[in-house]
Amino acid sequence: MPTIGPGSFILIVILAILIFGPKKLPELGRAAGNTLREFKNATKGLADDDNDKKKEDQ
């Protein structure tokens, strides 16, 4: 899988600023962070449930 170089990263940032505006970007970042945190907590809960079931089966 190709990596994103510094030129591509700068282009993506400029496009994001043009599309969403500089005032909206922090809100979008916060929302993305909250979404990832919730997803991580949910998947951790599922993994814990699977471990508990394996212990009960033994």
PDB file of N, CA and C in Angstrom:
ATOM      1  N   MET A   1       0.853  -1.177   0.000  1.00  0.00           N
ATOM      2  CA  MET A   1       0.000   0.000   0.000  1.00  0.00           C
ATOM      3  C   MET A   1       0.894   1.233   0.000  1.00  0.00           C
ATOM      4  N   PRO A   2       0.665   2.151  -0.914  1.00  0.00           N
ATOM      5  CA  PRO A   2       1.520   3.333  -0.977  1.00  0.00           C
ATOM      6  C   PRO A   2       1.278   4.260   0.208  1.00  0.00           C
ATOM      7  N   THR A   3       2.330   4.928   0.619  1.00  0.00           N
ATOM      8  CA  THR A   3       2.211   5.875   1.718  1.00  0.00           C
ATOM      9  C   THR A   3       1.932   7.270   1.176  1.00  0.00           C
ATOM     10  N   ILE A   4       1.424   8.119   2.045  1.00  0.00           N
ATOM     11  CA  ILE A   4       1.145   9.500   1.657  1.00  0.00           C
ATOM     12  C   ILE A   4       2.396  10.317   1.909  1.00  0.00           C
ATOM     13  N   GLY A   5       2.898  10.943   0.874  1.00  0.00           N
ATOM     14  CA  GLY A   5       4.083  11.775   0.997  1.00  0.00           C
ATOM     15  C   GLY A   5       3.726  13.161   1.526  1.00  0.00           C
ATOM     16  N   PRO A   6       4.734  13.960   1.822  1.00  0.00           N
ATOM     17  CA  PRO A   6       4.463  15.290   2.372  1.00  0.00           C
ATOM     18  C   PRO A   6       3.696  16.192   1.395  1.00  0.00           C
ATOM     19  N   GLY A   7       3.969  16.093   0.115  1.00  0.00           N
ATOM     20  CA  GLY A   7       3.242  16.895  -0.861  1.00  0.00           C
ATOM     21  C   GLY A   7       1.770  16.529  -0.913  1.00  0.00           C
ATOM     22  N   SER A   8       1.482  15.248  -0.885  1.00  0.00           N
ATOM     23  CA  SER A   8       0.087  14.791  -0.902  1.00  0.00           C
ATOM     24  C   SER A   8      -0.641  15.214   0.364  1.00  0.00           C
ATOM     25  N   PHE A   9       0.053  15.122   1.493  1.00  0.00           N
ATOM     26  CA  PHE A   9      -0.554  15.506   2.768  1.00  0.00           C
ATOM     27  C   PHE A   9      -0.910  16.993   2.760  1.00  0.00           C
ATOM     28  N   ILE A  10      -0.016  17.826   2.262  1.00  0.00           N
ATOM     29  CA  ILE A  10      -0.279  19.269   2.196  1.00  0.00           C
ATOM     30  C   ILE A  10      -1.471  19.544   1.279  1.00  0.00           C
ATOM     31  N   LEU A  11      -1.541  18.849   0.151  1.00  0.00           N
ATOM     32  CA  LEU A  11      -2.669  19.015  -0.760  1.00  0.00           C
ATOM     33  C   LEU A  11      -3.984  18.627  -0.090  1.00  0.00           C
ATOM     34  N   ILE A  12      -3.996  17.551   0.646  1.00  0.00           N
ATOM     35  CA  ILE A  12      -5.211  17.105   1.349  1.00  0.00           C
ATOM     36  C   ILE A  12      -5.632  18.136   2.388  1.00  0.00           C
ATOM     37  N   VAL A  13      -4.677  18.683   3.125  1.00  0.00           N
ATOM     38  CA  VAL A  13      -4.992  19.694   4.142  1.00  0.00           C
ATOM     39  C   VAL A  13      -5.563  20.947   3.491  1.00  0.00           C
ATOM     40  N   ILE A  14      -4.972  21.390   2.397  1.00  0.00           N
ATOM     41  CA  ILE A  14      -5.474  22.584   1.700  1.00  0.00           C
ATOM     42  C   ILE A  14      -6.888  22.347   1.178  1.00  0.00           C
ATOM     43  N   LEU A  15      -7.142  21.184   0.603  1.00  0.00           N
ATOM     44  CA  LEU A  15      -8.489  20.865   0.121  1.00  0.00           C
ATOM     45  C   LEU A  15      -9.498  20.810   1.264  1.00  0.00           C
ATOM     46  N   ALA A  16      -9.096  20.247   2.393  1.00  0.00           N
ATOM     47  CA  ALA A  16      -9.996  20.174   3.546  1.00  0.00           C
ATOM     48  C   ALA A  16     -10.344  21.573   4.043  1.00  0.00           C
ATOM     49  N   ILE A  17      -9.355  22.474   4.070  1.00  0.00           N
ATOM     50  CA  ILE A  17      -9.618  23.848   4.501  1.00  0.00           C
ATOM     51  C   ILE A  17     -10.539  24.551   3.518  1.00  0.00           C
ATOM     52  N   LEU A  18     -10.335  24.325   2.237  1.00  0.00           N
ATOM     53  CA  LEU A  18     -11.197  24.957   1.236  1.00  0.00           C
ATOM     54  C   LEU A  18     -12.626  24.431   1.297  1.00  0.00           C
ATOM     55  N   ILE A  19     -12.785  23.133   1.533  1.00  0.00           N
ATOM     56  CA  ILE A  19     -14.119  22.521   1.533  1.00  0.00           C
ATOM     57  C   ILE A  19     -14.872  22.839   2.827  1.00  0.00           C
ATOM     58  N   PHE A  20     -14.229  22.621   3.976  1.00  0.00           N
ATOM     59  CA  PHE A  20     -14.928  22.750   5.256  1.00  0.00           C
ATOM     60  C   PHE A  20     -14.723  24.094   5.932  1.00  0.00           C
ATOM     61  N   GLY A  21     -13.661  24.789   5.630  1.00  0.00           N
ATOM     62  CA  GLY A  21     -13.374  26.057   6.279  1.00  0.00           C
ATOM     63  C   GLY A  21     -12.570  25.847   7.550  1.00  0.00           C
ATOM     64  N   PRO A  22     -11.745  26.813   7.913  1.00  0.00           N
ATOM     65  CA  PRO A  22     -10.864  26.646   9.077  1.00  0.00           C
ATOM     66  C   PRO A  22     -11.598  26.571  10.411  1.00  0.00           C
ATOM     67  N   LYS A  23     -12.799  27.129  10.488  1.00  0.00           N
ATOM     68  CA  LYS A  23     -13.535  27.087  11.761  1.00  0.00           C
ATOM     69  C   LYS A  23     -14.190  25.730  11.992  1.00  0.00           C
ATOM     70  N   LYS A  24     -14.496  25.023  10.937  1.00  0.00           N
ATOM     71  CA  LYS A  24     -15.208  23.739  11.049  1.00  0.00           C
ATOM     72  C   LYS A  24     -14.255  22.563  11.278  1.00  0.00           C
ATOM     73  N   LEU A  25     -12.991  22.682  10.882  1.00  0.00           N
ATOM     74  CA  LEU A  25     -12.054  21.558  10.983  1.00  0.00           C
ATOM     75  C   LEU A  25     -11.855  21.051  12.416  1.00  0.00           C
ATOM     76  N   PRO A  26     -11.699  21.921  13.433  1.00  0.00           N
ATOM     77  CA  PRO A  26     -11.557  21.378  14.800  1.00  0.00           C
ATOM     78  C   PRO A  26     -12.778  20.584  15.263  1.00  0.00           C
ATOM     79  N   GLU A  27     -13.957  21.036  14.867  1.00  0.00           N
ATOM     80  CA  GLU A  27     -15.178  20.300  15.225  1.00  0.00           C
ATOM     81  C   GLU A  27     -15.191  18.925  14.564  1.00  0.00           C
ATOM     82  N   LEU A  28     -14.781  18.866  13.308  1.00  0.00           N
ATOM     83  CA  LEU A  28     -14.731  17.585  12.601  1.00  0.00           C
ATOM     84  C   LEU A  28     -13.705  16.651  13.234  1.00  0.00           C
ATOM     85  N   GLY A  29     -12.573  17.198  13.627  1.00  0.00           N
ATOM     86  CA  GLY A  29     -11.543  16.391  14.293  1.00  0.00           C
ATOM     87  C   GLY A  29     -12.034  15.827  15.613  1.00  0.00           C
ATOM     88  N   ARG A  30     -12.710  16.663  16.384  1.00  0.00           N
ATOM     89  CA  ARG A  30     -13.261  16.204  17.670  1.00  0.00           C
ATOM     90  C   ARG A  30     -14.300  15.109  17.460  1.00  0.00           C
ATOM     91  N   ALA A  31     -15.167  15.297  16.488  1.00  0.00           N
ATOM     92  CA  ALA A  31     -16.202  14.302  16.199  1.00  0.00           C
ATOM     93  C   ALA A  31     -15.570  12.983  15.761  1.00  0.00           C
ATOM     94  N   ALA A  32     -14.532  13.058  14.932  1.00  0.00           N
ATOM     95  CA  ALA A  32     -13.854  11.832  14.494  1.00  0.00           C
ATOM     96  C   ALA A  32     -13.183  11.139  15.670  1.00  0.00           C
ATOM     97  N   GLY A  33     -12.563  11.913  16.554  1.00  0.00           N
ATOM     98  CA  GLY A  33     -11.923  11.334  17.736  1.00  0.00           C
ATOM     99  C   GLY A  33     -12.928  10.656  18.653  1.00  0.00           C
ATOM    100  N   ASN A  34     -14.074  11.295  18.872  1.00  0.00           N
ATOM    101  CA  ASN A  34     -15.113  10.693  19.711  1.00  0.00           C
ATOM    102  C   ASN A  34     -15.645   9.408  19.083  1.00  0.00           C
ATOM    103  N   THR A  35     -15.814   9.418  17.786  1.00  0.00           N
ATOM    104  CA  THR A  35     -16.300   8.223  17.089  1.00  0.00           C
ATOM    105  C   THR A  35     -15.313   7.070  17.224  1.00  0.00           C
ATOM    106  N   LEU A  36     -14.026   7.358  17.026  1.00  0.00           N
ATOM    107  CA  LEU A  36     -13.011   6.308  17.170  1.00  0.00           C
ATOM    108  C   LEU A  36     -12.943   5.789  18.605  1.00  0.00           C
ATOM    109  N   ARG A  37     -13.079   6.677  19.584  1.00  0.00           N
ATOM    110  CA  ARG A  37     -13.041   6.267  20.990  1.00  0.00           C
ATOM    111  C   ARG A  37     -14.217   5.349  21.313  1.00  0.00           C
ATOM    112  N   GLU A  38     -15.416   5.706  20.856  1.00  0.00           N
ATOM    113  CA  GLU A  38     -16.588   4.868  21.088  1.00  0.00           C
ATOM    114  C   GLU A  38     -16.441   3.505  20.410  1.00  0.00           C
ATOM    115  N   PHE A  39     -15.927   3.507  19.192  1.00  0.00           N
ATOM    116  CA  PHE A  39     -15.716   2.249  18.469  1.00  0.00           C
ATOM    117  C   PHE A  39     -14.721   1.365  19.215  1.00  0.00           C
ATOM    118  N   LYS A  40     -13.643   1.963  19.701  1.00  0.00           N
ATOM    119  CA  LYS A  40     -12.626   1.209  20.443  1.00  0.00           C
ATOM    120  C   LYS A  40     -13.224   0.607  21.714  1.00  0.00           C
ATOM    121  N   ASN A  41     -14.007   1.400  22.440  1.00  0.00           N
ATOM    122  CA  ASN A  41     -14.633   0.889  23.664  1.00  0.00           C
ATOM    123  C   ASN A  41     -15.622  -0.234  23.358  1.00  0.00           C
ATOM    124  N   ALA A  42     -16.371  -0.100  22.271  1.00  0.00           N
ATOM    125  CA  ALA A  42     -17.342  -1.137  21.905  1.00  0.00           C
ATOM    126  C   ALA A  42     -16.637  -2.429  21.508  1.00  0.00           C
ATOM    127  N   THR A  43     -15.572  -2.330  20.732  1.00  0.00           N
ATOM    128  CA  THR A  43     -14.867  -3.544  20.319  1.00  0.00           C
ATOM    129  C   THR A  43     -14.132  -4.169  21.496  1.00  0.00           C
ATOM    130  N   LYS A  44     -13.667  -3.355  22.423  1.00  0.00           N
ATOM    131  CA  LYS A  44     -13.020  -3.903  23.619  1.00  0.00           C
ATOM    132  C   LYS A  44     -14.038  -4.689  24.442  1.00  0.00           C
ATOM    133  N   GLY A  45     -15.244  -4.162  24.536  1.00  0.00           N
ATOM    134  CA  GLY A  45     -16.302  -4.859  25.254  1.00  0.00           C
ATOM    135  C   GLY A  45     -16.638  -6.186  24.599  1.00  0.00           C
ATOM    136  N   LEU A  46     -16.651  -6.224  23.279  1.00  0.00           N
ATOM    137  CA  LEU A  46     -16.927  -7.479  22.581  1.00  0.00           C
ATOM    138  C   LEU A  46     -15.813  -8.496  22.821  1.00  0.00           C
ATOM    139  N   ALA A  47     -14.571  -8.028  22.800  1.00  0.00           N
ATOM    140  CA  ALA A  47     -13.442  -8.927  23.028  1.00  0.00           C
ATOM    141  C   ALA A  47     -13.468  -9.462  24.459  1.00  0.00           C
ATOM    142  N   ASP A  48     -13.842  -8.620  25.417  1.00  0.00           N
ATOM    143  CA  ASP A  48     -13.939  -9.065  26.806  1.00  0.00           C
ATOM    144  C   ASP A  48     -15.039 -10.109  26.963  1.00  0.00           C
ATOM    145  N   ASP A  49     -16.171  -9.907  26.264  1.00  0.00           N
ATOM    146  CA  ASP A  49     -17.259 -10.882  26.318  1.00  0.00           C
ATOM    147  C   ASP A  49     -16.812 -12.231  25.759  1.00  0.00           C
ATOM    148  N   ASP A  50     -16.048 -12.211  24.671  1.00  0.00           N
ATOM    149  CA  ASP A  50     -15.557 -13.453  24.075  1.00  0.00           C
ATOM    150  C   ASP A  50     -14.618 -14.177  25.030  1.00  0.00           C
ATOM    151  N   ASN A  51     -13.764 -13.442  25.711  1.00  0.00           N
ATOM    152  CA  ASN A  51     -12.847 -14.058  26.674  1.00  0.00           C
ATOM    153  C   ASN A  51     -13.608 -14.673  27.835  1.00  0.00           C
ATOM    154  N   ASP A  52     -14.667 -13.997  28.301  1.00  0.00           N
ATOM    155  CA  ASP A  52     -15.468 -14.533  29.395  1.00  0.00           C
ATOM    156  C   ASP A  52     -16.161 -15.833  28.980  1.00  0.00           C
ATOM    157  N   LYS A  53     -16.674 -15.904  27.748  1.00  0.00           N
ATOM    158  CA  LYS A  53     -17.344 -17.101  27.268  1.00  0.00           C
ATOM    159  C   LYS A  53     -16.360 -18.252  27.155  1.00  0.00           C
ATOM    160  N   LYS A  54     -15.140 -17.979  26.725  1.00  0.00           N
ATOM    161  CA  LYS A  54     -14.122 -19.042  26.611  1.00  0.00           C
ATOM    162  C   LYS A  54     -13.776 -19.602  27.980  1.00  0.00           C
ATOM    163  N   LYS A  55     -13.709 -18.729  28.980  1.00  0.00           N
ATOM    164  CA  LYS A  55     -13.392 -19.179  30.349  1.00  0.00           C
ATOM    165  C   LYS A  55     -14.513 -20.040  30.899  1.00  0.00           C
ATOM    166  N   GLU A  56     -15.784 -19.669  30.586  1.00  0.00           N
ATOM    167  CA  GLU A  56     -16.933 -20.429  31.071  1.00  0.00           C
ATOM    168  C   GLU A  56     -16.985 -21.804  30.422  1.00  0.00           C
ATOM    169  N   ASP A  57     -16.576 -21.899  29.162  1.00  0.00           N
ATOM    170  CA  ASP A  57     -16.634 -23.173  28.439  1.00  0.00           C
ATOM    171  C   ASP A  57     -15.595 -24.154  28.956  1.00  0.00           C
ATOM    172  N   GLN A  58     -14.548 -23.665  29.534  1.00  0.00           N
ATOM    173  CA  GLN A  58     -13.476 -24.579  29.983  1.00  0.00           C
ATOM    174  C   GLN A  58     -13.810 -25.258  31.268  1.00  0.00           C
TER     175      GLN A  58
END
